[in-house]
Amino acid sequence: MPTPSEHTRLSLEQRLGEHARTAWPQLERLNVRHRGAFAYVEAELADGERVS
């Protein structure tokens, strides 16, 4: 399975971050991990709770 380029991964992270800031202002942080062709997204709330 081919993996996305570094540019594609960075673009995805940026787009997800922008969307999260406008749609979910209560999120403190958005973590994106890449493994092969997959991206795993985890959001962190202000109280430290993590949502995958």
N, C-alpha and C. Protein backbone atom coordinates (compact mmCIF):
# COMPACT_ATOMS: atom_id res chain seq x y z
N MET A 1 0.85 -1.17 0.00
CA MET A 1 0.00 0.00 0.00
C MET A 1 0.90 1.24 0.00
N PRO A 2 0.72 2.16 -0.94
CA PRO A 2 1.56 3.35 -1.00
C PRO A 2 1.27 4.29 0.17
N THR A 3 2.28 5.03 0.57
CA THR A 3 2.12 6.00 1.65
C THR A 3 2.06 7.40 1.08
N PRO A 4 1.32 8.28 1.71
CA PRO A 4 1.21 9.66 1.23
C PRO A 4 2.56 10.39 1.38
N SER A 5 2.75 11.37 0.54
CA SER A 5 3.97 12.16 0.61
C SER A 5 3.96 13.05 1.85
N GLU A 6 5.11 13.57 2.20
CA GLU A 6 5.23 14.47 3.36
C GLU A 6 4.34 15.69 3.16
N HIS A 7 4.28 16.21 1.96
CA HIS A 7 3.43 17.36 1.67
C HIS A 7 1.97 17.04 1.94
N THR A 8 1.52 15.88 1.52
CA THR A 8 0.13 15.47 1.74
C THR A 8 -0.16 15.32 3.22
N ARG A 9 0.78 14.74 3.96
CA ARG A 9 0.58 14.57 5.41
C ARG A 9 0.49 15.92 6.11
N LEU A 10 1.38 16.84 5.77
CA LEU A 10 1.35 18.16 6.39
C LEU A 10 0.09 18.93 6.02
N SER A 11 -0.33 18.79 4.77
CA SER A 11 -1.56 19.44 4.32
C SER A 11 -2.77 18.91 5.08
N LEU A 12 -2.83 17.60 5.28
CA LEU A 12 -3.92 16.99 6.04
C LEU A 12 -3.94 17.53 7.47
N GLU A 13 -2.79 17.58 8.11
CA GLU A 13 -2.71 18.07 9.49
C GLU A 13 -3.18 19.52 9.58
N GLN A 14 -2.77 20.33 8.61
CA GLN A 14 -3.16 21.74 8.60
C GLN A 14 -4.68 21.88 8.41
N ARG A 15 -5.23 21.15 7.46
CA ARG A 15 -6.66 21.24 7.19
C ARG A 15 -7.48 20.75 8.37
N LEU A 16 -7.05 19.66 9.00
CA LEU A 16 -7.76 19.16 10.18
C LEU A 16 -7.69 20.16 11.33
N GLY A 17 -6.53 20.77 11.51
CA GLY A 17 -6.36 21.77 12.57
C GLY A 17 -7.25 22.97 12.37
N GLU A 18 -7.33 23.47 11.14
CA GLU A 18 -8.20 24.61 10.84
C GLU A 18 -9.66 24.26 11.09
N HIS A 19 -10.07 23.09 10.64
CA HIS A 19 -11.46 22.67 10.84
C HIS A 19 -11.77 22.51 12.32
N ALA A 20 -10.86 21.91 13.06
CA ALA A 20 -11.09 21.70 14.50
C ALA A 20 -11.21 23.04 15.24
N ARG A 21 -10.39 24.02 14.87
CA ARG A 21 -10.46 25.33 15.54
C ARG A 21 -11.80 26.02 15.30
N THR A 22 -12.36 25.88 14.12
CA THR A 22 -13.64 26.55 13.84
C THR A 22 -14.84 25.73 14.32
N ALA A 23 -14.78 24.42 14.20
CA ALA A 23 -15.93 23.58 14.56
C ALA A 23 -15.98 23.21 16.04
N TRP A 24 -14.82 23.06 16.66
CA TRP A 24 -14.76 22.64 18.06
C TRP A 24 -13.78 23.53 18.84
N PRO A 25 -14.19 24.74 19.18
CA PRO A 25 -13.28 25.66 19.89
C PRO A 25 -12.88 25.17 21.28
N GLN A 26 -13.60 24.20 21.84
CA GLN A 26 -13.27 23.68 23.17
C GLN A 26 -12.05 22.76 23.15
N LEU A 27 -11.58 22.37 21.97
CA LEU A 27 -10.40 21.50 21.88
C LEU A 27 -9.14 22.29 22.21
N GLU A 28 -8.32 21.71 23.02
CA GLU A 28 -7.04 22.32 23.39
C GLU A 28 -5.97 22.01 22.35
N ARG A 29 -5.99 20.75 21.88
CA ARG A 29 -4.94 20.32 20.95
C ARG A 29 -5.47 19.19 20.08
N LEU A 30 -4.90 19.09 18.89
CA LEU A 30 -5.24 18.02 17.96
C LEU A 30 -3.94 17.32 17.59
N ASN A 31 -3.87 16.02 17.85
CA ASN A 31 -2.68 15.23 17.55
C ASN A 31 -2.99 14.32 16.36
N VAL A 32 -2.10 14.34 15.37
CA VAL A 32 -2.27 13.50 14.19
C VAL A 32 -1.01 12.65 14.04
N ARG A 33 -1.20 11.33 13.99
CA ARG A 33 -0.10 10.40 13.76
C ARG A 33 -0.33 9.70 12.43
N HIS A 34 0.75 9.39 11.77
CA HIS A 34 0.65 8.70 10.48
C HIS A 34 1.36 7.35 10.58
N ARG A 35 0.72 6.36 10.03
CA ARG A 35 1.33 5.03 9.95
C ARG A 35 0.91 4.42 8.62
N GLY A 36 1.86 4.34 7.72
CA GLY A 36 1.55 3.85 6.38
C GLY A 36 0.60 4.80 5.69
N ALA A 37 -0.47 4.27 5.15
CA ALA A 37 -1.45 5.08 4.43
C ALA A 37 -2.54 5.64 5.35
N PHE A 38 -2.42 5.40 6.65
CA PHE A 38 -3.46 5.80 7.59
C PHE A 38 -3.03 6.98 8.44
N ALA A 39 -4.01 7.78 8.86
CA ALA A 39 -3.78 8.88 9.79
C ALA A 39 -4.68 8.64 11.00
N TYR A 40 -4.11 8.78 12.18
CA TYR A 40 -4.85 8.59 13.42
C TYR A 40 -4.95 9.94 14.11
N VAL A 41 -6.16 10.35 14.43
CA VAL A 41 -6.40 11.67 15.00
C VAL A 41 -6.89 11.52 16.43
N GLU A 42 -6.29 12.32 17.30
CA GLU A 42 -6.68 12.33 18.71
C GLU A 42 -6.83 13.78 19.14
N ALA A 43 -7.95 14.11 19.75
CA ALA A 43 -8.20 15.46 20.24
C ALA A 43 -8.03 15.49 21.75
N GLU A 44 -7.52 16.60 22.25
CA GLU A 44 -7.37 16.76 23.69
C GLU A 44 -8.17 17.97 24.13
N LEU A 45 -9.03 17.75 25.15
CA LEU A 45 -9.85 18.82 25.69
C LEU A 45 -9.05 19.59 26.74
N ALA A 46 -9.58 20.74 27.15
CA ALA A 46 -8.89 21.59 28.11
C ALA A 46 -8.68 20.90 29.46
N ASP A 47 -9.57 19.97 29.84
CA ASP A 47 -9.42 19.28 31.11
C ASP A 47 -8.48 18.06 31.03
N GLY A 48 -7.87 17.85 29.86
CA GLY A 48 -6.92 16.75 29.70
C GLY A 48 -7.51 15.49 29.12
N GLU A 49 -8.83 15.43 29.00
CA GLU A 49 -9.48 14.24 28.42
C GLU A 49 -9.09 14.11 26.94
N ARG A 50 -8.82 12.89 26.51
CA ARG A 50 -8.45 12.64 25.13
C ARG A 50 -9.55 11.87 24.43
N VAL A 51 -9.84 12.27 23.19
CA VAL A 51 -10.88 11.65 22.39
C VAL A 51 -10.26 11.21 21.08
N SER A 52 -10.43 9.94 20.73
CA SER A 52 -9.87 9.41 19.48
C SER A 52 -10.93 9.27 18.42
